[in-house]
Amino acid sequence: MRSNDSSSIADRLHSLVSREIELVNVRLKEIELNNQQARLIKFIGEHPNTIQKTVAQFLNRQNATVTNMLKSLEKQGYITRTIPDTNERQKQLNLTVKGSETLVAIDRVFNELEDTVKLAVPEDERTGLVTNLNHIKLALDLQH
């Protein structure tokens, strides 16, 4: 298939990802977060005491951008940034009670998305789909 064919695999994947993002963003807006903020809260919840450098690598963002995001989440009461006794240059990131409660809502959004996707794909085809998606990701990673 040619890349300009509207039924190409790449176009279908793009359309699918765009629709997924749209649905997730609508749900996250209900809890007053954007996708990046939700991903950050989820990452910090899964990696207590993580540091900004690790978060920047996870999000594939510049440190300055991540600093602004973290300051915003801290100001809103979702996270704390504390300086450990062992390293004054690295602030550890953790969720507050509000952040932990919000993480439950974030997980609900992503779990509902997963359930929707699973309902759309017959169980006997899921393993093959996951394998094919992994092949596509690997091919794209090799292009990088």
C-alpha atoms as a PDB file:
ATOM      1  CA  MET A   1       0.000   0.000   0.000  1.00  0.00           C
ATOM      2  CA  ARG A   2       1.126   3.536  -0.635  1.00  0.00           C
ATOM      3  CA  SER A   3       1.492   5.976   2.268  1.00  0.00           C
ATOM      4  CA  ASN A   4      -1.089   8.338   0.762  1.00  0.00           C
ATOM      5  CA  ASP A   5      -3.704   5.579   0.644  1.00  0.00           C
ATOM      6  CA  SER A   6      -6.387   6.538   3.194  1.00  0.00           C
ATOM      7  CA  SER A   7      -6.692   2.890   4.198  1.00  0.00           C
ATOM      8  CA  SER A   8      -2.976   2.393   4.873  1.00  0.00           C
ATOM      9  CA  ILE A   9      -1.933   0.757   8.104  1.00  0.00           C
ATOM     10  CA  ALA A  10      -0.028   3.858   9.228  1.00  0.00           C
ATOM     11  CA  ASP A  11      -3.092   6.053   8.608  1.00  0.00           C
ATOM     12  CA  ARG A  12      -5.330   3.648  10.497  1.00  0.00           C
ATOM     13  CA  LEU A  13      -2.891   3.545  13.423  1.00  0.00           C
ATOM     14  CA  HIS A  14      -2.689   7.337  13.452  1.00  0.00           C
ATOM     15  CA  SER A  15      -6.473   7.623  13.410  1.00  0.00           C
ATOM     16  CA  LEU A  16      -6.773   5.065  16.200  1.00  0.00           C
ATOM     17  CA  VAL A  17      -4.192   6.779  18.407  1.00  0.00           C
ATOM     18  CA  SER A  18      -5.785  10.177  17.767  1.00  0.00           C
ATOM     19  CA  ARG A  19      -9.192   8.849  18.787  1.00  0.00           C
ATOM     20  CA  GLU A  20      -7.726   7.198  21.897  1.00  0.00           C
ATOM     21  CA  ILE A  21      -6.036  10.440  22.941  1.00  0.00           C
ATOM     22  CA  GLU A  22      -9.249  12.362  22.342  1.00  0.00           C
ATOM     23  CA  LEU A  23     -11.262   9.980  24.540  1.00  0.00           C
ATOM     24  CA  VAL A  24      -8.641   9.973  27.302  1.00  0.00           C
ATOM     25  CA  ASN A  25      -8.361  13.764  27.251  1.00  0.00           C
ATOM     26  CA  VAL A  26     -12.124  14.172  27.645  1.00  0.00           C
ATOM     27  CA  ARG A  27     -12.089  11.868  30.663  1.00  0.00           C
ATOM     28  CA  LEU A  28      -8.998  13.486  32.195  1.00  0.00           C
ATOM     29  CA  LYS A  29     -10.546  16.925  31.769  1.00  0.00           C
ATOM     30  CA  GLU A  30     -13.313  15.718  34.104  1.00  0.00           C
ATOM     31  CA  ILE A  31     -10.657  15.398  36.833  1.00  0.00           C
ATOM     32  CA  GLU A  32      -9.054  18.681  35.759  1.00  0.00           C
ATOM     33  CA  LEU A  33      -5.842  17.224  34.339  1.00  0.00           C
ATOM     34  CA  ASN A  34      -4.243  16.996  30.932  1.00  0.00           C
ATOM     35  CA  ASN A  35      -2.591  13.889  29.532  1.00  0.00           C
ATOM     36  CA  GLN A  36       0.957  14.920  30.508  1.00  0.00           C
ATOM     37  CA  GLN A  37      -0.066  15.762  34.076  1.00  0.00           C
ATOM     38  CA  ALA A  38      -1.876  12.440  34.420  1.00  0.00           C
ATOM     39  CA  ARG A  39       1.123  10.521  33.075  1.00  0.00           C
ATOM     40  CA  LEU A  40       3.388  12.382  35.496  1.00  0.00           C
ATOM     41  CA  ILE A  41       1.183  11.633  38.502  1.00  0.00           C
ATOM     42  CA  LYS A  42       0.936   7.984  37.441  1.00  0.00           C
ATOM     43  CA  PHE A  43       4.716   7.692  37.003  1.00  0.00           C
ATOM     44  CA  ILE A  44       5.468   9.301  40.364  1.00  0.00           C
ATOM     45  CA  GLY A  45       2.896   7.057  42.034  1.00  0.00           C
ATOM     46  CA  GLU A  46       4.555   3.984  40.525  1.00  0.00           C
ATOM     47  CA  HIS A  47       8.080   5.251  41.336  1.00  0.00           C
ATOM     48  CA  PRO A  48       8.090   6.892  44.789  1.00  0.00           C
ATOM     49  CA  ASN A  49      11.120   9.071  45.545  1.00  0.00           C
ATOM     50  CA  THR A  50      11.916   9.358  41.855  1.00  0.00           C
ATOM     51  CA  ILE A  51      13.918  12.367  40.672  1.00  0.00           C
ATOM     52  CA  GLN A  52      13.242  14.947  37.977  1.00  0.00           C
ATOM     53  CA  LYS A  53      15.867  13.577  35.581  1.00  0.00           C
ATOM     54  CA  THR A  54      14.129  10.188  35.548  1.00  0.00           C
ATOM     55  CA  VAL A  55      10.755  11.860  34.951  1.00  0.00           C
ATOM     56  CA  ALA A  56      12.203  13.926  32.084  1.00  0.00           C
ATOM     57  CA  GLN A  57      13.532  10.762  30.449  1.00  0.00           C
ATOM     58  CA  PHE A  58      10.170   9.009  30.877  1.00  0.00           C
ATOM     59  CA  LEU A  59       8.261  11.907  29.309  1.00  0.00           C
ATOM     60  CA  ASN A  60      10.984  12.548  26.726  1.00  0.00           C
ATOM     61  CA  ARG A  61      10.937  16.240  27.671  1.00  0.00           C
ATOM     62  CA  GLN A  62      13.542  18.866  28.495  1.00  0.00           C
ATOM     63  CA  ASN A  63      14.353  19.403  32.184  1.00  0.00           C
ATOM     64  CA  ALA A  64      13.023  22.979  32.098  1.00  0.00           C
ATOM     65  CA  THR A  65       9.657  21.800  30.759  1.00  0.00           C
ATOM     66  CA  VAL A  66       9.461  19.098  33.423  1.00  0.00           C
ATOM     67  CA  THR A  67      10.419  21.610  36.127  1.00  0.00           C
ATOM     68  CA  ASN A  68       7.455  23.779  35.149  1.00  0.00           C
ATOM     69  CA  MET A  69       5.111  20.792  35.097  1.00  0.00           C
ATOM     70  CA  LEU A  70       6.316  19.636  38.524  1.00  0.00           C
ATOM     71  CA  LYS A  71       5.990  23.110  40.024  1.00  0.00           C
ATOM     72  CA  SER A  72       2.435  23.300  38.734  1.00  0.00           C
ATOM     73  CA  LEU A  73       1.512  19.887  40.168  1.00  0.00           C
ATOM     74  CA  GLU A  74       3.133  20.831  43.470  1.00  0.00           C
ATOM     75  CA  LYS A  75       1.228  24.125  43.592  1.00  0.00           C
ATOM     76  CA  GLN A  76      -2.022  22.250  42.905  1.00  0.00           C
ATOM     77  CA  GLY A  77      -1.261  19.878  45.790  1.00  0.00           C
ATOM     78  CA  TYR A  78      -0.713  16.645  43.837  1.00  0.00           C
ATOM     79  CA  ILE A  79       2.987  16.111  44.585  1.00  0.00           C
ATOM     80  CA  THR A  80       5.769  17.055  46.963  1.00  0.00           C
ATOM     81  CA  ARG A  81       9.340  17.831  45.986  1.00  0.00           C
ATOM     82  CA  THR A  82      11.711  17.250  48.880  1.00  0.00           C
ATOM     83  CA  ILE A  83      15.477  17.556  49.167  1.00  0.00           C
ATOM     84  CA  PRO A  84      16.989  14.398  50.680  1.00  0.00           C
ATOM     85  CA  ASP A  85      19.823  14.624  53.187  1.00  0.00           C
ATOM     86  CA  THR A  86      22.043  12.543  50.906  1.00  0.00           C
ATOM     87  CA  ASN A  87      21.895  14.803  47.813  1.00  0.00           C
ATOM     88  CA  GLU A  88      20.907  18.447  47.973  1.00  0.00           C
ATOM     89  CA  ARG A  89      20.845  18.773  44.170  1.00  0.00           C
ATOM     90  CA  GLN A  90      18.182  16.143  43.503  1.00  0.00           C
ATOM     91  CA  LYS A  91      14.624  16.660  44.710  1.00  0.00           C
ATOM     92  CA  GLN A  92      12.645  13.510  45.387  1.00  0.00           C
ATOM     93  CA  LEU A  93       9.122  13.403  44.027  1.00  0.00           C
ATOM     94  CA  ASN A  94       6.185  11.825  45.803  1.00  0.00           C
ATOM     95  CA  LEU A  95       2.412  11.984  45.688  1.00  0.00           C
ATOM     96  CA  THR A  96       0.416  13.784  48.337  1.00  0.00           C
ATOM     97  CA  VAL A  97      -2.850  12.346  49.649  1.00  0.00           C
ATOM     98  CA  LYS A  98      -4.634  14.363  46.938  1.00  0.00           C
ATOM     99  CA  GLY A  99      -2.222  12.970  44.341  1.00  0.00           C
ATOM    100  CA  SER A 100      -2.823   9.397  45.503  1.00  0.00           C
ATOM    101  CA  GLU A 101      -6.590   9.894  45.380  1.00  0.00           C
ATOM    102  CA  THR A 102      -6.296  11.389  41.913  1.00  0.00           C
ATOM    103  CA  LEU A 103      -4.158   8.456  40.795  1.00  0.00           C
ATOM    104  CA  VAL A 104      -7.126   6.175  41.498  1.00  0.00           C
ATOM    105  CA  ALA A 105      -9.244   8.272  39.111  1.00  0.00           C
ATOM    106  CA  ILE A 106      -6.451   8.306  36.508  1.00  0.00           C
ATOM    107  CA  ASP A 107      -6.120   4.521  36.710  1.00  0.00           C
ATOM    108  CA  ARG A 108      -9.876   4.218  36.248  1.00  0.00           C
ATOM    109  CA  VAL A 109      -9.684   6.223  33.002  1.00  0.00           C
ATOM    110  CA  PHE A 110      -6.922   4.054  31.572  1.00  0.00           C
ATOM    111  CA  ASN A 111      -8.475   0.794  32.813  1.00  0.00           C
ATOM    112  CA  GLU A 112     -11.762   1.703  31.122  1.00  0.00           C
ATOM    113  CA  LEU A 113      -9.871   2.385  27.900  1.00  0.00           C
ATOM    114  CA  GLU A 114      -8.146  -0.996  28.182  1.00  0.00           C
ATOM    115  CA  ASP A 115     -11.504  -2.703  28.774  1.00  0.00           C
ATOM    116  CA  THR A 116     -12.974  -0.994  25.699  1.00  0.00           C
ATOM    117  CA  VAL A 117     -10.052  -2.110  23.551  1.00  0.00           C
ATOM    118  CA  LYS A 118     -10.236  -5.668  24.850  1.00  0.00           C
ATOM    119  CA  LEU A 119     -13.973  -5.841  24.106  1.00  0.00           C
ATOM    120  CA  ALA A 120     -13.277  -4.757  20.520  1.00  0.00           C
ATOM    121  CA  VAL A 121     -10.699  -7.495  19.888  1.00  0.00           C
ATOM    122  CA  PRO A 122     -11.692 -11.163  20.204  1.00  0.00           C
ATOM    123  CA  GLU A 123      -9.671 -12.885  22.908  1.00  0.00           C
ATOM    124  CA  ASP A 124      -8.129 -15.391  20.492  1.00  0.00           C
ATOM    125  CA  GLU A 125      -6.746 -12.502  18.368  1.00  0.00           C
ATOM    126  CA  ARG A 126      -5.230 -10.392  21.175  1.00  0.00           C
ATOM    127  CA  THR A 127      -1.884 -12.173  21.383  1.00  0.00           C
ATOM    128  CA  GLY A 128      -1.351 -11.782  17.648  1.00  0.00           C
ATOM    129  CA  LEU A 129      -2.347  -8.124  17.796  1.00  0.00           C
ATOM    130  CA  VAL A 130       0.069  -7.413  20.643  1.00  0.00           C
ATOM    131  CA  THR A 131       2.844  -9.230  18.776  1.00  0.00           C
ATOM    132  CA  ASN A 132       2.175  -7.185  15.633  1.00  0.00           C
ATOM    133  CA  LEU A 133       2.084  -3.921  17.577  1.00  0.00           C
ATOM    134  CA  ASN A 134       5.423  -4.835  19.175  1.00  0.00           C
ATOM    135  CA  HIS A 135       6.869  -5.506  15.701  1.00  0.00           C
ATOM    136  CA  ILE A 136       5.665  -2.095  14.505  1.00  0.00           C
ATOM    137  CA  LYS A 137       7.151  -0.352  17.550  1.00  0.00           C
ATOM    138  CA  LEU A 138      10.474  -2.109  17.052  1.00  0.00           C
ATOM    139  CA  ALA A 139      10.557  -1.112  13.387  1.00  0.00           C
ATOM    140  CA  LEU A 140       9.801   2.488  14.288  1.00  0.00           C
ATOM    141  CA  ASP A 141      12.424   2.469  17.057  1.00  0.00           C
ATOM    142  CA  LEU A 142      15.006   1.279  14.534  1.00  0.00           C
ATOM    143  CA  GLN A 143      14.144   4.291  12.336  1.00  0.00           C
ATOM    144  CA  HIS A 144      15.016   6.626  15.190  1.00  0.00           C
END
